[in-house]
Amino acid sequence: MNGSIHQYFSIGTLLWMSYPGRDPLASLKKIVCDEFFDAVELSRFEDPAVRKQAAAMMEQGLMRVGYGAHPTILGRKLNPNALEETARLAAETALLEAVDEAAELGAEGIAFLAGKWEPEHLEEAYAQLLKTTRNLCGYAAEKGLSVELEVFDYDVDKAVLIGPAPLAARFAADVRKTHRNFGLLVDLSHIPICHETPDFTVRTLAPYITHLHIGNAVMKEGCPAYGDRHPRFGFPNSENSVETLTAFLRLLKDEGFFREDDPLILSFEVTPFGDEDPDAVLAGCKRALNRAWALV
């Protein structure tokens, strides 16, 4: 592809996955000072003083900022579509607090994931998730933020309601009836573990996609990094290669996602496995993307 990928996308990474267990400010500085990155996605900073330092650093670096509430939801075992109302409200309260923190960090929006997949109670859970999401969208809109639901697997690892692409499309259409600041976050690494193909997922969800992640997955049971572990490109027995990434970029081009005037954030959702070096893994991600872009 002629030209730079940065014409069409704001390239980012998920800080808590790129540098798990590392000092967040030191890790953030690496990303902000690397001109390859236009964006960074953060999660919770417990210390308000550190949060303030992070916000200042990102502002100085002209970074686009996203906020992921995933560690909060998963770490606290919260369920935004819990059938029991007290449990649903606990998840909603945590997400509303995350909106406040996202605003403090200068984020454009907040991303989260659905709760437990229970096919025997699908419609009831769907209604509960709709309630949570609409309340979250209303609150975020007051602060000028967007809300994005990331599509995860429903029966392999995280096993959450959203979920299969057709159900995700139905859900997004329902939320959009009342809130225009809602969209879907599609991750290349989740597509194989949803038993779908990139063509099917992207074309099904295209009207609602507002954010993209790229990464890898292992679908062979018994192999290292099986499930939703986000290994690096080139990991043994994995599903997504440079060729897969190239085809994904071509698909995005065909579907009208190469937008110079309104670039989506396209972030690496990749994490070191075992004793792998975080800097080396992130460098490999950049090389994979550069090679794929050259082939588009």
Protein backbone atom coordinates (compact mmCIF):
# COMPACT_ATOMS: atom_id res chain seq x y z
CA MET A 1 0.00 0.00 0.00
CA ASN A 2 1.38 3.41 -0.95
CA GLY A 3 1.40 6.00 1.78
CA SER A 4 1.45 5.58 5.52
CA ILE A 5 -1.02 3.53 7.54
CA HIS A 6 -1.16 6.54 9.83
CA GLN A 7 -3.15 8.36 7.15
CA TYR A 8 -6.04 6.01 7.77
CA PHE A 9 -5.71 4.73 11.33
CA SER A 10 -4.43 5.93 14.69
CA ILE A 11 -2.10 3.10 15.68
CA GLY A 12 -2.14 2.21 19.36
CA THR A 13 -1.57 -0.53 21.90
CA LEU A 14 -3.19 -1.70 25.14
CA LEU A 15 -0.76 -0.62 27.83
CA TRP A 16 -1.82 -3.16 30.46
CA MET A 17 -1.37 -6.00 27.98
CA SER A 18 1.84 -4.81 26.35
CA TYR A 19 3.53 -4.33 29.73
CA PRO A 20 1.73 -6.56 32.24
CA GLY A 21 2.87 -6.11 35.81
CA ARG A 22 5.27 -3.30 34.92
CA ASP A 23 5.38 0.24 36.27
CA PRO A 24 2.51 1.94 34.42
CA LEU A 25 4.08 5.40 34.12
CA ALA A 26 7.41 4.07 32.90
CA SER A 27 5.63 1.82 30.41
CA LEU A 28 3.38 4.64 29.27
CA LYS A 29 6.40 6.86 28.66
CA LYS A 30 7.81 4.23 26.27
CA ILE A 31 4.63 4.35 24.20
CA VAL A 32 4.22 8.12 24.28
CA CYS A 33 7.84 8.65 23.22
CA ASP A 34 7.57 6.16 20.35
CA GLU A 35 6.34 8.09 17.31
CA PHE A 36 5.03 4.85 15.78
CA PHE A 37 2.09 5.17 18.16
CA ASP A 38 -0.69 7.73 17.76
CA ALA A 39 -2.86 6.26 20.51
CA VAL A 40 -2.69 4.33 23.75
CA GLU A 41 -5.35 2.43 25.67
CA LEU A 42 -5.25 2.43 29.43
CA SER A 43 -7.10 0.85 32.30
CA ARG A 44 -7.49 1.79 35.94
CA PHE A 45 -4.87 3.88 37.76
CA GLU A 46 -5.53 3.44 41.48
CA ASP A 47 -3.49 6.49 42.51
CA PRO A 48 -5.08 9.83 41.50
CA ALA A 49 -1.63 11.47 41.44
CA VAL A 50 -0.35 8.88 38.96
CA ARG A 51 -3.50 9.36 36.91
CA LYS A 52 -2.80 13.08 36.73
CA GLN A 53 0.80 12.48 35.63
CA ALA A 54 -0.37 10.03 32.97
CA ALA A 55 -2.93 12.49 31.60
CA ALA A 56 -0.31 15.24 31.39
CA MET A 57 2.20 12.97 29.63
CA MET A 58 -0.34 11.88 27.02
CA GLU A 59 -1.47 15.44 26.40
CA GLN A 60 2.13 16.55 25.89
CA GLY A 61 2.67 13.68 23.47
CA LEU A 62 -0.46 14.49 21.40
CA MET A 63 -1.78 10.98 22.00
CA ARG A 64 -5.31 9.77 21.38
CA VAL A 65 -6.47 7.96 24.51
CA GLY A 66 -8.82 5.05 25.03
CA TYR A 67 -9.93 3.49 28.30
CA GLY A 68 -10.62 -0.21 28.81
CA ALA A 69 -12.78 -1.29 31.74
CA HIS A 70 -12.05 -4.96 31.03
CA PRO A 71 -9.61 -5.51 33.94
CA THR A 72 -12.17 -4.02 36.34
CA ILE A 73 -15.02 -6.18 35.06
CA LEU A 74 -12.96 -9.39 34.92
CA GLY A 75 -10.89 -8.77 38.05
CA ARG A 76 -13.94 -8.09 40.19
CA LYS A 77 -16.06 -10.75 38.45
CA LEU A 78 -18.74 -8.20 37.59
CA ASN A 79 -21.58 -8.98 35.21
CA PRO A 80 -23.24 -6.13 33.28
CA ASN A 81 -26.00 -8.51 32.20
CA ALA A 82 -26.57 -10.24 35.53
CA LEU A 83 -30.13 -11.45 35.91
CA GLU A 84 -30.11 -10.47 39.58
CA GLU A 85 -30.57 -6.70 39.68
CA THR A 86 -28.24 -6.01 42.61
CA ALA A 87 -25.38 -7.72 40.75
CA ARG A 88 -26.19 -5.84 37.54
CA LEU A 89 -26.18 -2.54 39.42
CA ALA A 90 -22.78 -3.36 40.94
CA ALA A 91 -21.36 -3.72 37.43
CA GLU A 92 -23.09 -0.56 36.24
CA THR A 93 -21.73 1.44 39.18
CA ALA A 94 -18.18 0.27 38.44
CA LEU A 95 -18.58 1.24 34.78
CA LEU A 96 -19.91 4.69 35.66
CA GLU A 97 -16.88 5.20 37.91
CA ALA A 98 -14.69 4.10 35.00
CA VAL A 99 -16.26 6.83 32.84
CA ASP A 100 -15.18 9.41 35.43
CA GLU A 101 -11.62 8.09 35.39
CA ALA A 102 -11.58 7.93 31.58
CA ALA A 103 -12.58 11.58 31.47
CA GLU A 104 -9.79 12.49 33.90
CA LEU A 105 -7.27 10.73 31.64
CA GLY A 106 -8.45 12.60 28.57
CA ALA A 107 -9.89 9.49 26.93
CA GLU A 108 -12.25 9.71 23.99
CA GLY A 109 -14.37 6.90 25.32
CA ILE A 110 -14.63 3.76 27.38
CA ALA A 111 -14.70 0.15 26.24
CA PHE A 112 -16.06 -2.81 28.19
CA LEU A 113 -17.23 -6.37 27.70
CA ALA A 114 -20.47 -8.17 28.38
CA GLY A 115 -21.06 -10.61 31.20
CA LYS A 116 -21.69 -14.32 31.27
CA TRP A 117 -23.10 -16.24 28.29
CA GLU A 118 -26.18 -18.14 29.50
CA PRO A 119 -28.05 -19.47 26.46
CA GLU A 120 -30.94 -20.68 28.61
CA HIS A 121 -31.52 -17.06 29.75
CA LEU A 122 -30.34 -15.25 26.63
CA GLU A 123 -33.21 -12.80 26.21
CA GLU A 124 -33.33 -11.87 29.88
CA ALA A 125 -29.56 -11.31 29.96
CA TYR A 126 -29.78 -9.33 26.71
CA ALA A 127 -32.37 -7.00 28.28
CA GLN A 128 -30.17 -6.52 31.35
CA LEU A 129 -27.13 -5.69 29.23
CA LEU A 130 -29.20 -3.24 27.21
CA LYS A 131 -30.24 -1.50 30.43
CA THR A 132 -26.65 -1.24 31.67
CA THR A 133 -25.34 -0.03 28.32
CA ARG A 134 -27.99 2.63 27.83
CA ASN A 135 -27.39 4.00 31.31
CA LEU A 136 -23.65 4.01 30.65
CA CYS A 137 -24.09 5.74 27.28
CA GLY A 138 -26.28 8.43 28.81
CA TYR A 139 -23.74 9.19 31.52
CA ALA A 140 -20.78 9.11 29.12
CA ALA A 141 -22.57 11.47 26.72
CA GLU A 142 -22.77 14.08 29.46
CA LYS A 143 -18.97 14.05 29.55
CA GLY A 144 -18.55 13.95 25.78
CA LEU A 145 -17.33 10.34 25.76
CA SER A 146 -18.24 7.37 23.60
CA VAL A 147 -19.04 3.84 24.79
CA GLU A 148 -17.81 0.73 23.00
CA LEU A 149 -18.63 -2.90 23.65
CA GLU A 150 -15.84 -5.27 22.64
CA VAL A 151 -16.93 -8.48 20.94
CA PHE A 152 -15.52 -11.52 22.77
CA ASP A 153 -15.96 -15.29 22.50
CA TYR A 154 -19.04 -16.97 23.92
CA ASP A 155 -17.93 -20.56 24.54
CA VAL A 156 -14.13 -20.85 24.56
CA ASP A 157 -12.54 -18.61 27.19
CA LYS A 158 -14.24 -15.42 28.40
CA ALA A 159 -17.61 -16.92 27.35
CA VAL A 160 -19.67 -13.72 27.37
CA LEU A 161 -22.98 -12.71 25.89
CA ILE A 162 -21.56 -10.53 23.11
CA GLY A 163 -20.64 -12.83 21.61
CA PRO A 164 -21.68 -14.03 18.15
CA ALA A 165 -21.53 -11.36 15.44
CA PRO A 166 -25.26 -11.52 14.53
CA LEU A 167 -26.20 -11.01 18.18
CA ALA A 168 -23.67 -8.18 18.48
CA ALA A 169 -25.21 -6.48 15.42
CA ARG A 170 -28.69 -6.81 16.87
CA PHE A 171 -27.50 -5.38 20.18
CA ALA A 172 -25.71 -2.43 18.59
CA ALA A 173 -28.78 -1.59 16.51
CA ASP A 174 -30.92 -1.60 19.63
CA VAL A 175 -28.55 0.68 21.58
CA ARG A 176 -28.20 3.05 18.60
CA LYS A 177 -31.96 3.59 18.63
CA THR A 178 -31.50 5.64 21.79
CA HIS A 179 -27.78 6.54 21.97
CA ARG A 180 -25.58 7.58 19.07
CA ASN A 181 -22.38 7.53 21.13
CA PHE A 182 -22.29 3.72 21.10
CA GLY A 183 -20.23 1.42 18.90
CA LEU A 184 -18.61 -1.99 18.71
CA LEU A 185 -14.94 -2.84 19.15
CA VAL A 186 -13.84 -5.71 16.90
CA ASP A 187 -10.64 -7.62 17.69
CA LEU A 188 -8.99 -9.80 15.04
CA SER A 189 -7.73 -12.14 17.77
CA HIS A 190 -11.28 -12.86 18.99
CA ILE A 191 -12.67 -13.78 15.58
CA PRO A 192 -11.21 -17.34 15.46
CA ILE A 193 -12.37 -18.15 18.99
CA CYS A 194 -15.87 -16.97 18.01
CA HIS A 195 -15.80 -19.65 15.26
CA GLU A 196 -16.15 -16.92 12.64
CA THR A 197 -14.11 -15.49 9.77
CA PRO A 198 -12.94 -11.88 9.42
CA ASP A 199 -15.12 -11.43 6.32
CA PHE A 200 -18.25 -12.59 8.15
CA THR A 201 -17.59 -10.63 11.34
CA VAL A 202 -16.59 -7.33 9.73
CA ARG A 203 -19.35 -7.35 7.13
CA THR A 204 -21.96 -8.27 9.72
CA LEU A 205 -20.86 -5.55 12.13
CA ALA A 206 -19.61 -2.86 9.71
CA PRO A 207 -22.32 -0.24 10.44
CA TYR A 208 -21.46 -0.31 14.14
CA ILE A 209 -17.65 -0.70 14.24
CA THR A 210 -15.97 2.31 15.88
CA HIS A 211 -12.69 0.79 17.10
CA LEU A 212 -10.37 -2.06 16.11
CA HIS A 213 -7.86 -4.34 17.81
CA ILE A 214 -5.42 -6.73 16.15
CA GLY A 215 -3.75 -9.73 17.70
CA ASN A 216 -3.47 -13.50 17.64
CA ALA A 217 -5.05 -16.60 19.17
CA VAL A 218 -4.43 -20.32 19.60
CA MET A 219 -7.40 -22.59 18.92
CA LYS A 220 -5.70 -25.99 19.26
CA GLU A 221 -6.65 -27.41 22.65
CA GLY A 222 -3.72 -28.49 24.78
CA CYS A 223 -1.32 -26.07 23.09
CA PRO A 224 0.38 -23.19 24.95
CA ALA A 225 -1.66 -19.94 24.94
CA TYR A 226 -4.90 -21.74 24.03
CA GLY A 227 -7.98 -19.49 24.19
CA ASP A 228 -8.08 -15.76 24.74
CA ARG A 229 -4.43 -15.26 25.66
CA HIS A 230 -3.41 -12.82 22.89
CA PRO A 231 -0.01 -14.24 21.97
CA ARG A 232 2.33 -12.49 19.56
CA PHE A 233 2.16 -12.88 15.80
CA GLY A 234 4.22 -15.91 14.81
CA PHE A 235 3.38 -17.82 18.01
CA PRO A 236 3.40 -21.63 17.55
CA ASN A 237 0.07 -23.20 16.50
CA SER A 238 -1.63 -19.80 16.30
CA GLU A 239 -4.37 -18.64 13.95
CA ASN A 240 -3.37 -15.16 12.75
CA SER A 241 -0.27 -14.58 10.65
CA VAL A 242 1.08 -11.64 8.66
CA GLU A 243 -0.98 -13.01 5.77
CA THR A 244 -4.13 -12.97 7.95
CA LEU A 245 -3.36 -9.41 9.00
CA THR A 246 -2.83 -8.40 5.36
CA ALA A 247 -6.20 -9.89 4.37
CA PHE A 248 -7.84 -8.13 7.34
CA LEU A 249 -6.47 -4.76 6.23
CA ARG A 250 -7.67 -5.37 2.67
CA LEU A 251 -11.11 -6.22 4.05
CA LEU A 252 -11.18 -2.99 6.06
CA LYS A 253 -10.27 -1.08 2.90
CA ASP A 254 -13.03 -2.76 0.92
CA GLU A 255 -15.56 -2.00 3.65
CA GLY A 256 -14.71 1.71 3.75
CA PHE A 257 -12.67 1.86 6.95
CA PHE A 258 -9.68 3.66 5.42
CA ARG A 259 -10.81 7.13 6.56
CA GLU A 260 -8.32 9.94 6.30
CA ASP A 261 -10.76 12.46 7.76
CA ASP A 262 -11.94 10.27 10.65
CA PRO A 263 -9.37 7.55 11.44
CA LEU A 264 -10.34 4.74 13.77
CA ILE A 265 -8.02 3.64 16.53
CA LEU A 266 -6.32 0.37 15.54
CA SER A 267 -4.49 -1.10 18.52
CA PHE A 268 -2.36 -4.13 19.24
CA GLU A 269 -4.01 -6.42 21.77
CA VAL A 270 -1.00 -8.64 22.29
CA THR A 271 0.76 -9.69 25.48
CA PRO A 272 4.02 -11.53 26.27
CA PHE A 273 3.62 -15.23 27.00
CA GLY A 274 5.70 -16.82 29.75
CA ASP A 275 9.11 -15.19 29.96
CA GLU A 276 8.90 -13.35 26.62
CA ASP A 277 10.31 -9.82 26.59
CA PRO A 278 7.59 -7.13 26.33
CA ASP A 279 9.72 -4.78 24.24
CA ALA A 280 10.60 -7.55 21.78
CA VAL A 281 6.96 -8.63 21.48
CA LEU A 282 5.81 -5.09 20.81
CA ALA A 283 8.57 -4.59 18.24
CA GLY A 284 7.42 -7.77 16.54
CA CYS A 285 3.87 -6.41 16.40
CA LYS A 286 5.09 -3.29 14.66
CA ARG A 287 7.10 -5.31 12.14
CA ALA A 288 4.10 -7.56 11.42
CA LEU A 289 1.87 -4.55 10.82
CA ASN A 290 4.47 -2.82 8.65
CA ARG A 291 4.88 -5.95 6.53
CA ALA A 292 1.12 -6.44 6.20
CA TRP A 293 0.67 -2.82 5.20
CA ALA A 294 3.36 -3.15 2.54
CA LEU A 295 1.40 -6.08 1.06
CA VAL A 296 -2.04 -4.44 1.04
